[in-house]
Amino acid sequence: MKQKGQSVAQSLQQNWINKLTDQGFRITKPLEIVSGILASSEKILNPTEVYQRARQFYPKIGLVTVYRTLEKLEQVGLIGRVHMPDGCQSFFQAQCGHQHLIICVKCSKAEYFEGDNLNVFFHSIGTQFGYQVQDHWLQLFGLCKQCQAMTLNPAKE
């Protein structure tokens, strides 16, 4: 599993802990572990994946606790919910400002991108149908460069 550099992930996790503390949340062992897992991941993770990774560090953690912790992190705006084409939901680190997400359907790598030029397009759709567009949400799914290369040359897997 590819992860961010340890110091970057630790710094991000500490920022999250500080934000949670500032908003009155009690910092528990499960909260520390789940936030660390998400802060260090470059991939989207579903609740079961978070749970499985968390149990490696804290075997007593329960799946319900993981769900509650994910809700807290989302409530504070530290993670965002990703709606997968199969209807399942996963989570990924939230970014500041309005950005869009592109996700690899094979390896779950996720990256944010800006779409300033899309605002004109969304406004024109709103005008066409008589709406005043107030917000939008965009997620793209496809194969990343590495997975495309493996698909073309399967011997590298």
Protein backbone atom coordinates (compact mmCIF):
# COMPACT_ATOMS: atom_id res chain seq x y z
CA MET A 1 0.00 0.00 0.00
CA LYS A 2 1.44 3.34 -1.02
CA GLN A 3 1.27 5.92 1.72
CA LYS A 4 2.30 9.52 2.14
CA GLY A 5 5.67 10.25 3.72
CA GLN A 6 5.50 9.44 7.42
CA SER A 7 6.22 13.00 8.61
CA VAL A 8 3.64 14.51 6.23
CA ALA A 9 0.99 12.02 7.38
CA GLN A 10 1.87 12.59 11.04
CA SER A 11 1.66 16.36 10.56
CA LEU A 12 -1.71 16.05 8.83
CA GLN A 13 -2.99 13.74 11.56
CA GLN A 14 -1.81 16.18 14.26
CA ASN A 15 -3.62 19.02 12.47
CA TRP A 16 -6.77 16.88 12.45
CA ILE A 17 -6.41 16.09 16.16
CA ASN A 18 -5.95 19.81 16.92
CA LYS A 19 -9.06 20.70 14.92
CA LEU A 20 -11.11 18.01 16.65
CA THR A 21 -9.88 19.17 20.07
CA ASP A 22 -10.71 22.79 19.20
CA GLN A 23 -14.25 21.70 18.34
CA GLY A 24 -14.69 19.91 21.66
CA PHE A 25 -14.21 16.29 20.61
CA ARG A 26 -12.57 13.91 23.09
CA ILE A 27 -9.51 12.30 21.52
CA THR A 28 -9.77 8.54 21.99
CA LYS A 29 -7.47 5.74 20.87
CA PRO A 30 -9.87 4.71 18.05
CA LEU A 31 -10.06 8.33 16.85
CA GLU A 32 -6.26 8.59 16.78
CA ILE A 33 -5.93 5.31 14.88
CA VAL A 34 -8.67 5.95 12.31
CA SER A 35 -7.45 9.50 11.67
CA GLY A 36 -3.90 8.20 11.23
CA ILE A 37 -5.04 5.59 8.71
CA LEU A 38 -6.91 8.13 6.60
CA ALA A 39 -4.23 10.82 6.94
CA SER A 40 -1.59 8.43 5.58
CA SER A 41 -3.60 6.93 2.71
CA GLU A 42 -3.46 8.13 -0.89
CA LYS A 43 -6.35 5.81 -1.70
CA ILE A 44 -10.01 5.94 -0.90
CA LEU A 45 -10.97 3.53 1.85
CA ASN A 46 -14.34 2.02 2.64
CA PRO A 47 -15.34 1.53 6.29
CA THR A 48 -14.45 -2.18 6.22
CA GLU A 49 -10.94 -1.41 4.95
CA VAL A 50 -10.49 1.22 7.67
CA TYR A 51 -11.75 -1.31 10.23
CA GLN A 52 -9.36 -4.04 9.05
CA ARG A 53 -6.38 -1.68 9.17
CA ALA A 54 -7.41 -0.27 12.55
CA ARG A 55 -7.60 -3.77 14.07
CA GLN A 56 -3.89 -4.22 13.28
CA PHE A 57 -3.13 -1.38 15.72
CA TYR A 58 -6.04 -1.76 18.14
CA PRO A 59 -7.61 -5.25 18.04
CA LYS A 60 -10.48 -4.25 20.38
CA ILE A 61 -11.88 -1.64 17.98
CA GLY A 62 -15.38 -2.40 16.69
CA LEU A 63 -16.89 -1.72 13.29
CA VAL A 64 -19.56 0.53 14.83
CA THR A 65 -16.78 2.60 16.45
CA VAL A 66 -15.11 2.97 13.05
CA TYR A 67 -18.39 4.20 11.51
CA ARG A 68 -18.92 6.70 14.35
CA THR A 69 -15.34 7.93 14.01
CA LEU A 70 -15.74 8.36 10.25
CA GLU A 71 -18.90 10.39 10.91
CA LYS A 72 -16.99 12.67 13.31
CA LEU A 73 -14.15 13.20 10.85
CA GLU A 74 -16.64 13.95 8.08
CA GLN A 75 -18.70 16.27 10.31
CA VAL A 76 -15.61 18.38 11.00
CA GLY A 77 -14.73 18.42 7.28
CA LEU A 78 -11.52 16.41 7.55
CA ILE A 79 -12.66 13.62 5.23
CA GLY A 80 -15.14 13.47 2.40
CA ARG A 81 -17.54 10.77 1.34
CA VAL A 82 -16.98 9.16 -2.04
CA HIS A 83 -19.99 7.54 -3.72
CA MET A 84 -18.75 4.61 -5.78
CA PRO A 85 -20.46 3.42 -8.98
CA ASP A 86 -21.50 0.19 -7.21
CA GLY A 87 -23.43 2.19 -4.60
CA CYS A 88 -20.91 1.68 -1.80
CA GLN A 89 -19.38 4.61 0.03
CA SER A 90 -15.74 5.22 0.79
CA PHE A 91 -13.80 8.05 2.41
CA PHE A 92 -10.85 10.23 1.49
CA GLN A 93 -9.07 13.24 2.93
CA ALA A 94 -10.96 16.47 2.33
CA GLN A 95 -9.24 19.38 0.61
CA CYS A 96 -9.68 23.08 1.28
CA GLY A 97 -11.93 24.83 -1.19
CA HIS A 98 -14.17 23.32 -3.81
CA GLN A 99 -12.36 20.62 -5.74
CA HIS A 100 -13.29 17.53 -7.69
CA LEU A 101 -12.06 13.97 -7.29
CA ILE A 102 -10.78 11.44 -9.82
CA ILE A 103 -10.56 7.83 -8.62
CA CYS A 104 -8.93 4.73 -10.10
CA VAL A 105 -11.47 1.91 -10.24
CA LYS A 106 -8.74 -0.73 -10.03
CA CYS A 107 -6.33 0.41 -7.28
CA SER A 108 -8.54 3.06 -5.55
CA LYS A 109 -5.92 5.82 -5.91
CA ALA A 110 -7.67 9.17 -5.60
CA GLU A 111 -6.59 12.68 -6.55
CA TYR A 112 -8.24 16.08 -6.32
CA PHE A 113 -8.34 18.44 -9.28
CA GLU A 114 -9.64 21.94 -9.76
CA GLY A 115 -12.36 22.58 -12.29
CA ASP A 116 -12.73 26.34 -12.52
CA ASN A 117 -13.67 26.10 -16.20
CA LEU A 118 -16.49 23.72 -15.27
CA ASN A 119 -18.38 26.47 -13.42
CA VAL A 120 -19.30 28.10 -16.74
CA PHE A 121 -20.59 24.76 -18.01
CA PHE A 122 -22.65 24.14 -14.86
CA HIS A 123 -24.05 27.69 -15.00
CA SER A 124 -25.13 27.16 -18.63
CA ILE A 125 -26.93 23.94 -17.68
CA GLY A 126 -28.71 25.80 -14.89
CA THR A 127 -29.73 28.55 -17.29
CA GLN A 128 -30.93 26.02 -19.87
CA PHE A 129 -33.31 24.45 -17.34
CA GLY A 130 -34.21 27.62 -15.45
CA TYR A 131 -32.17 26.86 -12.33
CA GLN A 132 -29.79 29.00 -10.34
CA VAL A 133 -27.01 26.48 -9.66
CA GLN A 134 -25.79 26.89 -6.09
CA ASP A 135 -23.41 23.98 -5.77
CA HIS A 136 -22.22 20.86 -7.52
CA TRP A 137 -20.37 17.66 -6.77
CA LEU A 138 -18.20 15.86 -9.30
CA GLN A 139 -16.35 12.55 -9.06
CA LEU A 140 -14.70 10.90 -12.05
CA PHE A 141 -13.80 7.21 -12.24
CA GLY A 142 -11.24 5.59 -14.52
CA LEU A 143 -7.87 3.83 -14.65
CA CYS A 144 -4.75 5.63 -13.38
CA LYS A 145 -1.53 5.56 -15.43
CA GLN A 146 -0.06 2.68 -13.43
CA CYS A 147 -3.15 0.50 -13.81
CA GLN A 148 -3.39 1.32 -17.52
CA ALA A 149 0.23 0.20 -17.93
CA MET A 150 -0.49 -3.05 -16.06
CA THR A 151 -3.56 -3.66 -18.21
CA LEU A 152 -1.46 -3.27 -21.38
CA ASN A 153 1.39 -5.37 -19.98
CA PRO A 154 -0.06 -7.82 -17.41
CA ALA A 155 3.33 -9.50 -16.82
CA LYS A 156 4.33 -6.53 -14.60
CA GLU A 157 1.65 -7.28 -11.97
